[in-house]
Protein backbone atom coordinates (compact mmCIF):
# COMPACT_ATOMS: atom_id res chain seq x y z
CA UNK A 1 50.66 13.51 170.10
CA UNK A 2 53.22 12.08 172.54
CA UNK A 3 56.92 12.62 172.10
CA UNK A 4 59.13 9.61 172.33
CA UNK A 5 62.76 8.63 171.66
CA UNK A 6 63.56 5.96 169.08
CA UNK A 7 66.71 4.48 167.56
CA UNK A 8 67.14 4.28 163.79
CA UNK A 9 69.84 2.78 161.65
CA UNK A 10 70.83 4.72 158.53
CA UNK A 11 73.47 3.85 155.93
CA UNK A 12 75.01 6.82 154.13
CA UNK A 13 78.13 7.63 152.15
CA UNK A 14 80.05 10.84 152.63
CA UNK A 15 83.44 12.23 151.78
CA UNK A 16 85.63 12.69 154.84
CA UNK A 17 88.07 15.60 154.44
CA UNK A 18 91.16 14.13 156.00
CA UNK A 19 94.28 16.27 156.41
CA UNK A 20 95.91 14.30 153.57
CA UNK A 21 92.98 14.99 151.22
CA UNK A 22 93.02 18.68 152.14
CA UNK A 23 96.71 18.78 151.24
CA UNK A 24 96.05 17.11 147.90
CA UNK A 25 93.36 19.67 147.11
CA UNK A 26 95.62 22.54 148.18
CA UNK A 27 98.49 21.28 146.02
CA UNK A 28 96.13 21.02 143.06
CA UNK A 29 94.94 24.61 143.24
CA UNK A 30 98.15 26.51 144.16
CA UNK A 31 100.33 28.12 141.50
CA UNK A 32 103.82 27.09 140.63
CA UNK A 33 105.62 29.56 142.88
CA UNK A 34 103.38 28.62 145.83
CA UNK A 35 103.98 24.94 145.11
CA UNK A 36 107.73 25.47 145.12
CA UNK A 37 107.53 27.29 148.48
CA UNK A 38 105.30 24.53 149.87
CA UNK A 39 107.77 21.84 148.84
CA UNK A 40 110.69 23.72 150.46
CA UNK A 41 108.62 24.11 153.63
CA UNK A 42 107.70 20.42 153.69
CA UNK A 43 111.34 19.43 153.19
CA UNK A 44 112.30 21.61 156.14
CA UNK A 45 109.64 20.02 158.38
CA UNK A 46 109.92 16.40 157.25
CA UNK A 47 113.41 14.90 157.59
CA UNK A 48 112.37 11.85 155.55
CA UNK A 49 111.96 13.99 152.42
CA UNK A 50 115.00 14.71 150.31
CA UNK A 51 115.78 15.82 146.76
CA UNK A 52 116.24 12.92 144.38
CA UNK A 53 119.19 12.36 142.11
CA UNK A 54 118.34 11.18 138.61
CA UNK A 55 121.13 8.64 138.28
CA UNK A 56 119.49 5.55 139.78
CA UNK A 57 115.88 4.48 139.81
CA UNK A 58 114.19 4.45 143.19
CA UNK A 59 111.76 1.75 144.29
CA UNK A 60 108.09 2.57 143.90
CA UNK A 61 106.18 3.93 146.88
CA UNK A 62 103.39 1.76 148.21
CA UNK A 63 101.27 4.60 149.58
CA UNK A 64 98.41 5.37 147.23
CA UNK A 65 96.74 8.77 147.03
CA UNK A 66 93.02 8.69 146.21
CA UNK A 67 92.06 11.10 143.45
CA UNK A 68 90.48 14.35 144.50
CA UNK A 69 87.96 13.74 141.75
CA UNK A 70 87.32 10.08 142.35
CA UNK A 71 88.44 7.40 139.86
CA UNK A 72 90.55 8.97 137.16
CA UNK A 73 90.49 8.02 133.50
CA UNK A 74 92.81 5.33 132.30
CA UNK A 75 96.17 6.66 131.20
CA UNK A 76 96.45 6.91 127.45
CA UNK A 77 99.60 7.35 125.39
CA UNK A 78 99.17 11.11 125.07
CA UNK A 79 98.76 11.70 128.79
CA UNK A 80 101.48 13.09 131.01
CA UNK A 81 103.60 10.39 132.53
CA UNK A 82 105.67 11.33 135.60
CA UNK A 83 109.28 10.39 135.16
CA UNK A 84 110.53 7.54 137.26
CA UNK A 85 111.82 8.86 140.54
CA UNK A 86 115.54 8.32 140.98
CA UNK A 87 117.82 8.01 143.91
CA UNK A 88 121.54 7.12 144.27
CA UNK A 89 122.63 4.25 146.40
CA UNK A 90 123.82 6.33 149.31
CA UNK A 91 126.83 4.87 151.09
CA UNK A 92 125.48 5.68 154.52
CA UNK A 93 126.51 4.10 157.79
CA UNK A 94 124.71 0.96 158.89
CA UNK A 95 124.09 2.43 162.28
CA UNK A 96 123.84 5.98 163.63
CA UNK A 97 126.74 5.33 165.98
CA UNK A 98 129.17 4.85 163.06
CA UNK A 99 128.80 8.41 161.74
CA UNK A 100 131.76 10.62 162.53
CA UNK A 101 129.94 13.89 163.14
CA UNK A 102 133.15 15.83 163.86
CA UNK A 103 134.55 14.90 160.49
CA UNK A 104 131.20 15.79 158.83
CA UNK A 105 131.13 19.29 160.37
CA UNK A 106 134.75 19.98 159.45
CA UNK A 107 134.29 18.96 155.81
CA UNK A 108 130.70 19.90 155.03
CA UNK A 109 129.53 22.29 157.71
CA UNK A 110 130.63 25.42 155.85
CA UNK A 111 129.24 24.63 152.42
CA UNK A 112 126.77 27.50 152.47
CA UNK A 113 128.86 30.20 154.08
CA UNK A 114 132.09 29.53 152.20
CA UNK A 115 135.13 27.27 152.07
CA UNK A 116 136.81 26.07 155.25
CA UNK A 117 139.64 28.08 156.68
CA UNK A 118 142.85 27.64 154.76
CA UNK A 119 141.18 26.52 151.52
CA UNK A 120 140.81 28.56 148.37
CA UNK A 121 137.66 30.65 148.37
CA UNK A 122 137.34 30.21 144.64
CA UNK A 123 136.47 26.55 145.17
CA UNK A 124 133.20 27.54 146.82
CA UNK A 125 132.00 30.14 144.31
CA UNK A 126 129.42 27.80 142.75
CA UNK A 127 127.79 27.26 146.18
CA UNK A 128 127.27 30.94 146.93
CA UNK A 129 123.89 32.41 146.00
CA UNK A 130 123.80 34.62 142.93
CA UNK A 131 123.74 38.33 143.58
CA UNK A 132 120.34 38.75 141.92
CA UNK A 133 118.90 36.11 144.30
CA UNK A 134 119.93 38.08 147.39
CA UNK A 135 116.97 39.37 149.36
CA UNK A 136 116.61 43.15 149.46
CA UNK A 137 114.03 45.47 150.97
CA UNK A 138 112.37 47.99 148.71
CA UNK A 139 112.65 51.66 149.65
CA UNK A 140 109.29 52.77 151.04
CA UNK A 141 107.82 56.25 150.97
CA UNK A 142 108.41 56.65 154.74
CA UNK A 143 112.08 55.66 154.38
CA UNK A 144 112.56 58.09 151.48
CA UNK A 145 111.01 60.99 153.40
CA UNK A 146 112.82 60.20 156.65
CA UNK A 147 116.10 60.19 154.78
CA UNK A 148 115.36 63.72 153.50
CA UNK A 149 114.21 64.81 156.93
CA UNK A 150 117.51 63.75 158.51
CA UNK A 151 119.45 65.65 155.82
CA UNK A 152 117.40 68.81 156.26
CA UNK A 153 118.49 71.80 158.36
CA UNK A 154 115.54 71.45 160.74
CA UNK A 155 116.15 71.48 164.47
CA UNK A 156 115.78 68.32 166.51
CA UNK A 157 112.35 69.42 167.75
CA UNK A 158 111.20 70.16 164.19
CA UNK A 159 112.50 66.77 162.99
CA UNK A 160 110.44 65.12 165.70
CA UNK A 161 107.31 66.89 164.39
CA UNK A 162 108.26 66.01 160.85
CA UNK A 163 108.56 62.35 161.85
CA UNK A 164 105.02 62.47 163.26
CA UNK A 165 103.73 63.95 160.00
CA UNK A 166 105.54 61.36 157.85
CA UNK A 167 104.25 58.52 160.02
CA UNK A 168 100.67 59.67 159.39
CA UNK A 169 100.87 59.73 155.58
CA UNK A 170 98.83 57.20 153.67
CA UNK A 171 100.38 54.99 150.91
CA UNK A 172 99.47 57.62 148.28
CA UNK A 173 101.42 60.31 150.12
CA UNK A 174 98.42 62.24 151.48
CA UNK A 175 98.08 63.51 155.05
CA UNK A 176 94.68 62.28 156.20
CA UNK A 177 95.17 63.42 159.79
CA UNK A 178 94.36 67.03 160.65
CA UNK A 179 97.14 69.43 161.59
CA UNK A 180 95.46 69.92 164.98
CA UNK A 181 95.90 66.20 165.72
CA UNK A 182 99.51 66.35 164.54
CA UNK A 183 100.17 69.28 166.90
CA UNK A 184 98.51 67.39 169.77
CA UNK A 185 100.53 64.22 169.16
CA UNK A 186 103.77 66.19 168.93
CA UNK A 187 102.90 68.39 171.91
CA UNK A 188 103.47 71.70 170.06
CA UNK A 189 101.48 74.71 168.97
CA UNK A 190 99.32 74.57 165.83
CA UNK A 191 101.44 77.21 164.06
CA UNK A 192 104.63 75.22 164.60
CA UNK A 193 103.06 72.05 163.17
CA UNK A 194 101.86 73.96 160.09
CA UNK A 195 105.33 75.40 159.49
CA UNK A 196 106.92 71.94 159.66
CA UNK A 197 104.23 70.53 157.37
CA UNK A 198 105.07 73.24 154.82
CA UNK A 199 108.72 72.11 154.96
CA UNK A 200 107.75 68.47 154.51
CA UNK A 201 105.59 69.42 151.49
CA UNK A 202 108.79 70.62 149.79
CA UNK A 203 110.28 67.11 149.92
CA UNK A 204 110.48 64.66 147.05
CA UNK A 205 108.20 63.35 145.54
CA UNK A 206 106.45 66.64 144.63
CA UNK A 207 102.99 66.90 146.15
CA UNK A 208 103.67 64.72 149.17
CA UNK A 209 102.01 65.73 152.45
CA UNK A 210 99.00 67.30 150.71
CA UNK A 211 95.61 67.11 152.41
CA UNK A 212 93.51 67.05 149.22
CA UNK A 213 93.88 66.51 145.48
CA UNK A 214 93.78 70.25 144.83
CA UNK A 215 96.57 70.93 147.29
CA UNK A 216 98.63 68.07 145.86
CA UNK A 217 98.42 69.48 142.31
CA UNK A 218 99.03 73.04 143.52
CA UNK A 219 102.19 71.95 145.31
CA UNK A 220 103.47 70.43 142.11
CA UNK A 221 102.58 73.52 140.06
CA UNK A 222 104.36 75.70 142.60
CA UNK A 223 107.50 73.64 142.28
CA UNK A 224 107.26 74.06 138.52
CA UNK A 225 107.01 77.85 138.94
CA UNK A 226 103.35 77.93 137.87
CA UNK A 227 101.74 79.05 141.12
CA UNK A 228 100.02 82.01 139.43
CA UNK A 229 99.17 80.32 136.14
CA UNK A 230 95.79 79.52 134.62
CA UNK A 231 96.40 75.88 135.48
CA UNK A 232 96.71 76.78 139.18
CA UNK A 233 93.47 78.80 138.97
CA UNK A 234 91.66 75.82 137.45
CA UNK A 235 92.96 73.45 140.13
CA UNK A 236 92.23 75.86 142.98
CA UNK A 237 88.74 77.08 142.04
CA UNK A 238 87.36 74.95 139.19
CA UNK A 239 88.56 71.37 139.71
CA UNK A 240 85.03 69.93 139.51
CA UNK A 241 84.48 71.55 136.11
CA UNK A 242 87.90 70.32 135.04
CA UNK A 243 87.00 66.75 135.96
CA UNK A 244 83.79 67.03 133.94
CA UNK A 245 85.81 68.47 131.00
CA UNK A 246 83.39 71.39 130.62
CA UNK A 247 86.02 73.43 128.84
CA UNK A 248 83.46 75.66 127.08
CA UNK A 249 81.87 76.64 130.39
CA UNK A 250 85.26 77.25 132.03
CA UNK A 251 86.32 79.44 129.12
CA UNK A 252 83.22 81.62 129.53
CA UNK A 253 83.61 81.94 133.32
CA UNK A 254 87.30 82.79 133.21
CA UNK A 255 87.01 84.89 130.02
CA UNK A 256 89.75 83.04 128.20
CA UNK A 257 89.86 81.09 124.99
CA UNK A 258 89.21 77.34 124.66
CA UNK A 259 92.80 76.91 123.49
CA UNK A 260 94.15 78.40 126.74
CA UNK A 261 91.92 76.11 128.81
CA UNK A 262 93.08 73.15 126.77
CA UNK A 263 96.74 74.07 127.22
CA UNK A 264 96.28 74.45 130.99
CA UNK A 265 94.48 71.10 131.14
CA UNK A 266 97.37 69.51 129.29
CA UNK A 267 99.81 70.84 131.91
CA UNK A 268 97.62 69.52 134.72
CA UNK A 269 97.47 66.11 133.03
CA UNK A 270 101.26 65.81 133.46
CA UNK A 271 101.01 66.06 137.25
CA UNK A 272 100.95 63.07 139.64
CA UNK A 273 97.70 62.74 141.62
CA UNK A 274 99.23 60.01 143.86
CA UNK A 275 102.81 61.00 144.75
CA UNK A 276 103.44 57.90 146.83
CA UNK A 277 102.47 55.31 144.25
CA UNK A 278 106.09 54.78 143.14
CA UNK A 279 107.11 53.90 146.70
CA UNK A 280 104.67 51.10 147.43
CA UNK A 281 105.59 48.61 150.12
CA UNK A 282 104.34 45.67 148.08
CA UNK A 283 106.85 43.50 146.25
CA UNK A 284 106.60 42.95 142.51
CA UNK A 285 105.29 39.52 141.70
CA UNK A 286 106.65 37.92 138.58
CA UNK A 287 104.61 35.35 136.70
CA UNK A 288 106.23 31.97 136.04
CA UNK A 289 104.26 29.79 133.59
CA UNK A 290 103.09 26.45 134.93
CA UNK A 291 102.83 24.98 131.46
CA UNK A 292 104.17 25.72 127.97
CA UNK A 293 102.02 25.35 124.86
CA UNK A 294 104.19 25.28 121.75
CA UNK A 295 103.35 24.55 118.15
CA UNK A 296 105.48 21.84 116.61
CA UNK A 297 104.67 21.21 112.95
CA UNK A 298 100.85 21.17 112.91
CA UNK A 299 100.33 20.09 116.49
CA UNK A 300 100.37 21.95 119.81
CA UNK A 301 102.63 20.28 122.38
CA UNK A 302 102.11 20.67 126.14
CA UNK A 303 105.18 20.78 128.37
CA UNK A 304 104.92 21.14 132.13
CA UNK A 305 107.32 23.58 133.70
CA UNK A 306 109.20 21.51 136.29
CA UNK A 307 112.28 23.72 136.30
CA UNK A 308 113.23 24.66 139.84
CA UNK A 309 110.84 22.17 141.47
CA UNK A 310 112.79 19.72 143.63
CA UNK A 311 112.30 16.08 142.66
CA UNK A 312 111.39 14.44 145.93
CA UNK A 313 111.98 10.95 147.28
CA UNK A 314 111.86 9.15 150.63
CA UNK A 315 115.30 9.01 152.18
CA UNK A 316 117.05 5.67 151.93
CA UNK A 317 118.85 6.49 155.14
CA UNK A 318 115.59 6.66 157.13
CA UNK A 319 114.40 3.45 155.50
CA UNK A 320 117.36 1.76 157.13
CA UNK A 321 116.94 3.61 160.40
CA UNK A 322 113.29 2.42 160.50
CA UNK A 323 114.44 -1.19 160.64
CA UNK A 324 116.93 -0.41 163.39
CA UNK A 325 114.68 1.72 165.58
CA UNK A 326 114.77 0.40 169.12
CA UNK A 327 111.67 2.12 170.54
CA UNK A 328 108.11 2.04 169.25
CA UNK A 329 107.91 5.81 169.61
CA UNK A 330 110.84 6.40 167.24
CA UNK A 331 109.50 3.80 164.81
CA UNK A 332 106.02 5.35 164.80
CA UNK A 333 107.48 8.82 164.23
CA UNK A 334 109.49 7.70 161.22
CA UNK A 335 106.53 5.75 159.78
CA UNK A 336 104.26 8.81 160.06
CA UNK A 337 106.85 10.97 158.33
CA UNK A 338 107.35 8.40 155.57
CA UNK A 339 103.58 8.17 154.97
CA UNK A 340 103.35 11.99 154.81
CA UNK A 341 106.31 12.11 152.40
CA UNK A 342 104.78 9.45 150.14
CA UNK A 343 101.46 11.25 150.14
CA UNK A 344 103.08 14.53 149.18
CA UNK A 345 105.02 12.99 146.30
CA UNK A 346 101.90 11.24 144.96
CA UNK A 347 99.82 14.41 145.33
CA UNK A 348 102.36 16.41 143.29
CA UNK A 349 102.32 13.74 140.57
CA UNK A 350 98.52 13.79 140.50
CA UNK A 351 98.53 17.62 140.28
CA UNK A 352 100.90 17.56 137.32
CA UNK A 353 98.88 14.88 135.54
CA UNK A 354 95.61 16.74 136.05
CA UNK A 355 97.12 20.00 134.85
CA UNK A 356 98.45 18.24 131.75
CA UNK A 357 95.06 16.73 130.91
CA UNK A 358 93.19 20.03 131.44
CA UNK A 359 95.64 21.88 129.22
CA UNK A 360 95.33 19.26 126.50
CA UNK A 361 91.56 19.64 126.60
CA UNK A 362 91.77 23.45 126.44
CA UNK A 363 93.88 23.13 123.28
CA UNK A 364 91.11 21.03 121.66
CA UNK A 365 88.56 23.80 122.24
CA UNK A 366 90.76 26.86 121.70
CA UNK A 367 93.01 25.81 118.81
CA UNK A 368 91.75 28.67 116.61
CA UNK A 369 92.61 31.17 119.31
CA UNK A 370 96.13 29.80 119.71
CA UNK A 371 96.69 30.14 115.97
CA UNK A 372 94.88 33.40 115.16
CA UNK A 373 94.38 35.44 118.36
CA UNK A 374 91.61 36.86 120.55
CA UNK A 375 89.13 37.37 117.75
CA UNK A 376 88.92 33.56 117.42
CA UNK A 377 88.47 32.84 121.15
CA UNK A 378 85.37 30.68 121.47
CA UNK A 379 83.01 30.52 124.46
CA UNK A 380 84.05 27.86 126.93
CA UNK A 381 82.86 26.79 130.39
CA UNK A 382 84.35 24.47 132.99
CA UNK A 383 81.72 21.82 132.27
CA UNK A 384 82.97 21.41 128.69
CA UNK A 385 86.51 20.54 129.79
CA UNK A 386 85.24 18.45 132.72
CA UNK A 387 83.13 16.29 130.41
CA UNK A 388 86.00 15.99 127.93
CA UNK A 389 88.49 14.56 130.46
CA UNK A 390 86.01 12.79 132.72
CA UNK A 391 86.51 14.89 135.85
CA UNK A 392 84.32 17.06 138.03
CA UNK A 393 83.95 20.79 137.34
CA UNK A 394 85.40 21.64 140.76
CA UNK A 395 88.55 19.70 139.91
CA UNK A 396 88.96 21.59 136.65
CA UNK A 397 88.35 24.86 138.50
CA UNK A 398 91.07 24.04 141.06
CA UNK A 399 93.46 22.86 138.34
CA UNK A 400 93.13 26.14 136.42
CA UNK A 401 93.22 28.41 139.48
CA UNK A 402 96.42 30.51 139.82
CA UNK A 403 97.97 28.73 136.83
CA UNK A 404 99.54 30.42 133.80
CA UNK A 405 100.37 29.08 130.36
CA UNK A 406 103.02 30.28 127.95
CA UNK A 407 101.21 30.26 124.59
CA UNK A 408 101.88 31.61 121.08
CA UNK A 409 99.55 34.47 122.06
CA UNK A 410 101.54 35.35 125.21
CA UNK A 411 101.49 34.32 128.86
CA UNK A 412 97.86 33.88 129.89
CA UNK A 413 96.06 32.65 132.95
CA UNK A 414 94.29 29.35 132.31
CA UNK A 415 91.05 30.98 133.50
CA UNK A 416 91.40 33.33 130.50
CA UNK A 417 90.36 30.52 128.15
CA UNK A 418 86.97 30.21 129.91
CA UNK A 419 84.68 33.02 128.76
CA UNK A 420 80.95 33.61 128.61
CA UNK A 421 79.14 33.89 125.32
CA UNK A 422 77.00 36.43 123.50
CA UNK A 423 74.45 35.49 120.86
CA UNK A 424 75.09 36.95 117.44
CA UNK A 425 72.29 37.82 115.04
CA UNK A 426 73.13 34.86 112.81
CA UNK A 427 72.66 32.44 115.74
CA UNK A 428 76.34 31.76 116.54
CA UNK A 429 77.90 32.26 119.94
CA UNK A 430 80.61 34.90 120.31
CA UNK A 431 83.13 35.04 123.15
CA UNK A 432 82.72 37.98 125.53
CA UNK A 433 86.50 38.48 125.47
CA UNK A 434 86.50 38.92 121.68
CA UNK A 435 83.71 41.49 122.03
CA UNK A 436 85.73 43.42 124.61
CA UNK A 437 88.64 43.41 122.18
CA UNK A 438 86.40 44.90 119.47
CA UNK A 439 85.18 47.59 121.85
CA UNK A 440 88.80 48.42 122.82
CA UNK A 441 89.81 48.63 119.15
CA UNK A 442 86.87 50.94 118.34
CA UNK A 443 87.73 53.32 121.16
CA UNK A 444 91.42 53.30 120.22
CA UNK A 445 90.61 54.24 116.62
CA UNK A 446 87.98 56.88 117.45
CA UNK A 447 88.36 60.61 116.86
CA UNK A 448 89.43 62.07 120.26
CA UNK A 449 87.32 65.15 119.57
CA UNK A 450 84.22 63.06 118.81
CA UNK A 451 84.44 59.87 120.90
CA UNK A 452 81.91 57.08 120.52
CA UNK A 453 79.16 56.82 123.10
CA UNK A 454 78.15 53.43 124.51
CA UNK A 455 75.02 53.45 122.36
CA UNK A 456 77.07 54.24 119.26
CA UNK A 457 79.42 51.32 120.03
CA UNK A 458 76.43 48.99 120.48
CA UNK A 459 75.04 50.06 117.11
CA UNK A 460 78.40 49.56 115.37
CA UNK A 461 78.68 46.05 116.88
CA UNK A 462 75.16 45.28 115.69
CA UNK A 463 76.38 45.91 112.15
CA UNK A 464 78.89 43.12 112.75
CA UNK A 465 76.04 40.76 113.76
CA UNK A 466 76.73 41.09 117.50
CA UNK A 467 73.62 41.78 119.53
CA UNK A 468 74.66 43.65 122.65
CA UNK A 469 72.86 46.14 124.89
CA UNK A 470 74.20 49.60 125.69
CA UNK A 471 74.49 48.77 129.42
CA UNK A 472 76.57 45.70 128.52
CA UNK A 473 78.91 47.86 126.50
CA UNK A 474 79.20 50.21 129.49
CA UNK A 475 79.94 47.24 131.80
CA UNK A 476 82.67 45.90 129.51
CA UNK A 477 84.15 49.38 129.13
CA UNK A 478 84.32 49.87 132.87
CA UNK A 479 85.92 46.44 133.33
CA UNK A 480 88.66 47.49 130.90
CA UNK A 481 89.19 50.77 132.81
CA UNK A 482 88.06 53.00 129.91
CA UNK A 483 86.38 56.32 130.70
CA UNK A 484 82.96 57.26 129.28
CA UNK A 485 82.84 59.35 126.14
CA UNK A 486 82.22 62.60 128.03
CA UNK A 487 85.56 62.21 129.80
CA UNK A 488 87.44 60.86 126.79
CA UNK A 489 86.62 63.92 124.70
CA UNK A 490 89.64 66.10 123.92
CA UNK A 491 89.51 69.75 122.90
CA UNK A 492 93.04 69.84 121.56
CA UNK A 493 94.89 67.69 119.10
CA UNK A 494 97.20 64.75 119.94
């Protein structure tokens, strides 16, 4: 069979991922805080964008943004309607040459940093950032230890070795590098490095600088004056048996009573296995709801959280400058920036509208949950909401990603409302989340001395017409961070 080259014509349709469409998709799937940061960044990069004033209505933008999901449903009366963008009639100069920049700098150049010289500072108080909005850096474990090192009575050479030790601690406060390596890096003898390490191990937090869990706990017991106690013996020689809670076996080996073992275990339980956890370098991330679901009379009302989000518009000043631009390069630059600004504004409106529609649909399916709690959470998948609002599943997935709702049941991620189902013995579907809640309630109410096994929990759920396998109970228990029954068992009261 001979090989030959031929030309064919083929007509196909495909979605081209333009930069504008990628931005629209990104805006749809980011959370509220990320969206706010994105808007601020775009305003810094695009001079055409500015924050709108709500006093005067602004002309409509001509640039249309195609829906990420294709044609969207017609807008009904209960759908979210973006407020009309507003803009004041700015009394700007007709030409750039008429602006008195010297006068501008003298009168407005110091708005952020304070009032101009000679004026009352109290006039500028409202423009200064609030104290709680001032950026600060959290105190890390290394900073805390270095502060103690500088205040110690160590010599300069010893402080150098101590700095090497502190620099090699992991985030939990453990020294994962051998003392031999520390001595090599500091250029000192092994005995000197060990002496300095012993000094560092006396710093706060207790247990820092340990090379193993046993050493960490022993350091804390020593600081409590319990270096020769039964608890120290258990940590030093029987930590594996302690982890397995084989208190009866430990009592026989150490020739003590079960009560003494239980008391020692209770002391050990008060110790901190990760001394550095309170000095993490990561910042605390607060959750700001993207949408509020509130019950008014007998209906649930959806309100989008627009507080803090700048209302954007295309600058009237640059509209005028566009008509006066003398070069094609300047005109093309302004036109590109205006198109990008219009696209961003439309994309944000589309995001808010889609989020509103998805939330409204979730309320239709999960009304019982909103009124009565987790036990009434019904199974729900993305396809159900997508079919309800006439969008694609991927659009619903993006619209619910990284979004939180303030509901009568607390602040919940929108993904929380989508749960898998389990078949009950009477043929109804039960939400997996409600089953996890039942498992958590059973374990909370169990006798600590006789905890329920996974098989026992499965049998108790079967009595409530919920068919669930033992391994599924174990999976749900592990997802909730609950220990197995052998490690939940307590040999002492309380």
